[in-house]
Amino acid sequence: MLPDPGFVLSALLERVDHPLLNRIEPYGYRELGSVDMSDLVAALDAVGAEGRHFDDLRALAAVCAADRSLTMEFVGD
């Protein structure tokens, strides 16, 4: 689990327009499979998402991508 107490991801989602990131609702639920992880990392790179929070998110994506049985869940407030 990667909490977002500073709403860093939420702020990013509200200001960018990217097909994959648009699927993640800051106040809802979205599940991405291991096959989506390279696209997620590419999307974060494309919109210039930088900082420790996004480094941690990329690290979790790498773990998820390595095991097809894993998914990444985004659970909004």
Protein backbone atom coordinates (compact mmCIF):
# COMPACT_ATOMS: atom_id res chain seq x y z
CA MET A 1 0.00 0.00 0.00
CA LEU A 2 1.22 3.47 -0.88
CA PRO A 3 -0.80 6.13 0.94
CA ASP A 4 -1.18 9.56 -0.61
CA PRO A 5 -1.69 11.83 2.43
CA GLY A 6 -0.52 14.91 0.52
CA PHE A 7 -2.83 14.07 -2.40
CA VAL A 8 0.15 14.16 -4.79
CA LEU A 9 -1.36 11.58 -7.14
CA SER A 10 -4.78 13.18 -6.95
CA ALA A 11 -3.31 16.57 -7.89
CA LEU A 12 -1.48 15.02 -10.83
CA LEU A 13 -4.62 13.25 -12.06
CA GLU A 14 -6.58 16.48 -11.95
CA ARG A 15 -4.08 18.46 -14.02
CA VAL A 16 -3.03 16.03 -16.75
CA ASP A 17 -4.80 14.53 -19.72
CA HIS A 18 -3.43 11.07 -20.47
CA PRO A 19 -5.49 8.06 -21.63
CA LEU A 20 -4.25 5.63 -18.97
CA LEU A 21 -4.16 8.15 -16.13
CA ASN A 22 -7.66 9.34 -17.04
CA ARG A 23 -8.89 5.84 -16.12
CA ILE A 24 -7.84 6.40 -12.49
CA GLU A 25 -10.53 8.24 -10.55
CA PRO A 26 -9.14 10.11 -7.51
CA TYR A 27 -12.34 9.46 -5.58
CA GLY A 28 -13.19 6.02 -6.92
CA TYR A 29 -11.66 2.61 -7.49
CA ARG A 30 -9.50 1.33 -10.36
CA GLU A 31 -7.59 -1.91 -10.66
CA LEU A 32 -4.72 -2.28 -13.12
CA GLY A 33 -3.20 -5.64 -13.99
CA SER A 34 0.45 -6.56 -14.27
CA VAL A 35 0.22 -6.10 -18.05
CA ASP A 36 -0.68 -2.42 -17.48
CA MET A 37 2.40 -1.61 -15.42
CA SER A 38 4.76 -0.68 -18.25
CA ASP A 39 2.04 1.63 -19.61
CA LEU A 40 1.57 3.14 -16.16
CA VAL A 41 5.28 3.89 -15.81
CA ALA A 42 5.37 5.31 -19.35
CA ALA A 43 2.37 7.51 -18.53
CA LEU A 44 4.01 8.85 -15.37
CA ASP A 45 7.16 9.58 -17.35
CA ALA A 46 5.18 11.25 -20.16
CA VAL A 47 3.49 13.71 -17.81
CA GLY A 48 6.65 14.46 -15.85
CA ALA A 49 5.58 12.86 -12.55
CA GLU A 50 8.62 13.23 -10.31
CA GLY A 51 9.39 12.94 -6.62
CA ARG A 52 9.61 10.26 -3.99
CA HIS A 53 5.92 9.36 -4.16
CA PHE A 54 6.14 8.62 -7.87
CA ASP A 55 9.46 6.80 -7.44
CA ASP A 56 7.70 4.53 -4.93
CA LEU A 57 4.78 4.07 -7.33
CA ARG A 58 7.19 3.08 -10.11
CA ALA A 59 8.88 0.58 -7.75
CA LEU A 60 5.52 -1.00 -6.91
CA ALA A 61 4.72 -1.14 -10.61
CA ALA A 62 7.97 -3.05 -11.23
CA VAL A 63 7.05 -5.61 -8.56
CA CYS A 64 3.55 -5.97 -10.00
CA ALA A 65 4.86 -6.29 -13.57
CA ALA A 66 7.14 -9.14 -12.54
CA ASP A 67 4.27 -11.29 -11.21
CA ARG A 68 1.21 -11.73 -13.42
CA SER A 69 -0.90 -12.71 -10.40
CA LEU A 70 -0.55 -9.22 -8.89
CA THR A 71 -2.66 -6.16 -9.54
CA MET A 72 -2.38 -2.54 -8.49
CA GLU A 73 -5.47 -1.03 -6.92
CA PHE A 74 -6.17 2.67 -6.69
CA VAL A 75 -8.71 3.42 -3.97
CA GLY A 76 -9.86 7.02 -3.75
CA ASP A 77 -11.17 8.93 -0.78
